[in-house]
Amino acid sequence: MCYGRAERAGEKAARRGNIVNVRLAVNGTLMRGLALNRNLLEAGATFVRETTTGPSYRLWSIGDRHPAMLRAASGGAAIAVEVWEVPAAGLASILLKEPPGLCVGKVRLADGEETLGVLGEPILCEGQREITEYGGWRAYAASARA
């Protein structure tokens, strides 16, 4: 990943002193109050806002442990995400602690902003339950508990 290139491509990046921060949209267990949120906090990330993606993403439950989101040409919807500001140096530590098959790519948010975000590899979703209709991991998890 080339941080300079991402900034030129329109990524939101901020500087605090000599620290470069990047925006990261998360859609599952990295969200506030969920199992892996501590990974963001330990990396020095700060919460920016809740929003949704543009209406071109699909979401799967991976063994009911975490979601995987993919951009889709059709059948997509807006998916609930949280946007975090992450020190660039901490981004690798967060990703190394993510479940296998998750990666970082560009995500378009509902307001048109393009930022880095957690996505799933297509093979990870094969044979898994699609949960796009719930609009996000929290809503799906709440329905599973009901």
Protein backbone atom coordinates (compact mmCIF):
# COMPACT_ATOMS: atom_id res chain seq x y z
CA MET A 1 0.00 0.00 0.00
CA CYS A 2 1.38 3.38 -0.98
CA TYR A 3 0.10 6.08 1.36
CA GLY A 4 1.25 8.96 -0.86
CA ARG A 5 -0.62 7.47 -3.81
CA ALA A 6 -3.77 7.02 -1.74
CA GLU A 7 -3.72 10.68 -0.74
CA ARG A 8 -3.42 11.76 -4.39
CA ALA A 9 -6.31 9.49 -5.28
CA GLY A 10 -8.57 11.44 -2.93
CA GLU A 11 -8.16 9.55 0.33
CA LYS A 12 -8.78 11.61 3.44
CA ALA A 13 -5.50 11.90 5.30
CA ALA A 14 -4.69 14.16 8.19
CA ARG A 15 -1.46 15.13 9.89
CA ARG A 16 -1.05 15.53 13.63
CA GLY A 17 2.47 16.72 14.21
CA ASN A 18 4.59 14.27 12.24
CA ILE A 19 1.97 11.50 12.30
CA VAL A 20 0.01 10.75 9.14
CA ASN A 21 -3.50 9.42 9.74
CA VAL A 22 -5.73 7.62 7.26
CA ARG A 23 -9.47 7.10 7.34
CA LEU A 24 -10.67 3.50 7.62
CA ALA A 25 -14.30 2.40 7.25
CA VAL A 26 -15.10 -0.69 9.32
CA ASN A 27 -18.26 -2.79 9.05
CA GLY A 28 -17.99 -5.57 11.64
CA THR A 29 -16.19 -6.64 14.76
CA LEU A 30 -13.86 -3.61 14.69
CA MET A 31 -16.86 -1.37 15.41
CA ARG A 32 -17.29 0.32 18.80
CA GLY A 33 -18.19 -2.12 21.56
CA LEU A 34 -17.56 -5.24 19.48
CA ALA A 35 -14.97 -8.00 19.86
CA LEU A 36 -12.02 -6.53 17.91
CA ASN A 37 -12.57 -2.82 18.57
CA ARG A 38 -9.64 -2.89 21.00
CA ASN A 39 -7.36 -3.46 17.98
CA LEU A 40 -8.30 0.00 16.68
CA LEU A 41 -7.90 1.60 20.08
CA GLU A 42 -4.51 -0.03 20.71
CA ALA A 43 -3.31 1.33 17.34
CA GLY A 44 -4.25 4.87 18.43
CA ALA A 45 -7.32 5.17 16.17
CA THR A 46 -10.06 7.67 16.93
CA PHE A 47 -13.72 7.38 16.02
CA VAL A 48 -14.89 9.90 13.38
CA ARG A 49 -18.50 9.06 12.53
CA GLU A 50 -21.19 6.53 11.70
CA THR A 51 -22.41 6.43 8.12
CA THR A 52 -23.27 3.97 5.36
CA THR A 53 -21.61 2.93 2.16
CA GLY A 54 -23.02 3.85 -1.19
CA PRO A 55 -25.69 1.36 -2.37
CA SER A 56 -23.26 -0.96 -4.15
CA TYR A 57 -22.11 -3.41 -1.46
CA ARG A 58 -23.17 -6.87 -0.34
CA LEU A 59 -22.54 -8.39 3.08
CA TRP A 60 -22.05 -11.97 4.25
CA SER A 61 -21.89 -13.56 7.69
CA ILE A 62 -18.76 -15.68 7.94
CA GLY A 63 -19.77 -18.47 10.28
CA ASP A 64 -21.68 -15.92 12.40
CA ARG A 65 -18.28 -14.76 13.74
CA HIS A 66 -17.73 -11.68 11.55
CA PRO A 67 -18.95 -10.13 8.28
CA ALA A 68 -17.32 -9.81 4.90
CA MET A 69 -18.32 -6.95 2.60
CA LEU A 70 -17.85 -6.91 -1.17
CA ARG A 71 -18.52 -4.27 -3.78
CA ALA A 72 -21.12 -5.53 -6.25
CA ALA A 73 -22.18 -4.59 -9.76
CA SER A 74 -25.79 -5.50 -8.89
CA GLY A 75 -27.84 -6.47 -5.86
CA GLY A 76 -25.99 -4.10 -3.58
CA ALA A 77 -27.25 -1.95 -0.73
CA ALA A 78 -26.00 0.71 1.67
CA ILE A 79 -24.15 -1.00 4.53
CA ALA A 80 -23.66 0.56 7.97
CA VAL A 81 -20.03 1.44 8.72
CA GLU A 82 -17.98 3.41 11.20
CA VAL A 83 -15.21 5.68 9.97
CA TRP A 84 -12.06 5.84 12.08
CA GLU A 85 -8.93 7.94 11.79
CA VAL A 86 -5.96 5.59 12.11
CA PRO A 87 -2.26 6.44 12.43
CA ALA A 88 -0.74 5.05 9.23
CA ALA A 89 1.88 3.21 11.29
CA GLY A 90 -0.91 1.37 13.17
CA LEU A 91 -2.85 0.26 10.10
CA ALA A 92 -0.68 -2.83 9.55
CA SER A 93 -1.09 -3.98 13.16
CA ILE A 94 -4.87 -3.73 12.82
CA LEU A 95 -4.93 -5.70 9.57
CA LEU A 96 -2.64 -8.42 10.87
CA LYS A 97 -5.15 -9.08 13.67
CA GLU A 98 -8.14 -9.32 11.33
CA PRO A 99 -9.62 -12.75 10.55
CA PRO A 100 -8.22 -14.53 7.47
CA GLY A 101 -9.77 -13.45 4.18
CA LEU A 102 -10.37 -9.82 5.16
CA CYS A 103 -8.37 -7.08 3.47
CA VAL A 104 -8.31 -3.34 2.83
CA GLY A 105 -9.60 -1.70 -0.31
CA LYS A 106 -11.36 1.48 -1.31
CA VAL A 107 -14.93 1.98 -0.14
CA ARG A 108 -17.32 4.64 -1.41
CA LEU A 109 -19.46 6.13 1.34
CA ALA A 110 -23.03 7.39 0.97
CA ASP A 111 -21.85 11.02 0.75
CA GLY A 112 -19.48 10.16 -2.13
CA GLU A 113 -16.30 10.17 -0.03
CA GLU A 114 -13.91 7.39 -0.99
CA THR A 115 -11.86 5.98 1.86
CA LEU A 116 -10.00 2.85 2.81
CA GLY A 117 -12.23 0.14 4.21
CA VAL A 118 -12.30 -3.45 5.37
CA LEU A 119 -13.50 -5.79 2.61
CA GLY A 120 -13.70 -9.55 2.20
CA GLU A 121 -12.07 -11.71 -0.44
CA PRO A 122 -14.76 -13.20 -2.71
CA ILE A 123 -13.72 -16.78 -1.92
CA LEU A 124 -14.37 -16.14 1.77
CA CYS A 125 -18.07 -15.59 1.02
CA GLU A 126 -18.60 -18.82 -0.90
CA GLY A 127 -21.12 -21.01 0.91
CA GLN A 128 -21.76 -18.37 3.59
CA ARG A 129 -25.04 -16.65 4.47
CA GLU A 130 -25.67 -13.38 2.67
CA ILE A 131 -26.95 -10.75 5.12
CA THR A 132 -27.12 -7.67 2.87
CA GLU A 133 -30.84 -7.29 3.63
CA TYR A 134 -30.03 -6.38 7.26
CA GLY A 135 -28.01 -3.32 6.19
CA GLY A 136 -25.13 -4.05 8.54
CA TRP A 137 -23.46 -6.41 10.97
CA ARG A 138 -25.03 -4.92 14.12
CA ALA A 139 -28.57 -5.28 12.74
CA TYR A 140 -27.88 -8.87 11.68
CA ALA A 141 -26.34 -9.77 15.06
CA ALA A 142 -29.32 -8.23 16.88
CA SER A 143 -31.77 -10.27 14.77
CA ALA A 144 -29.80 -13.45 15.45
CA ARG A 145 -30.12 -12.84 19.22
CA ALA A 146 -33.88 -12.15 19.00
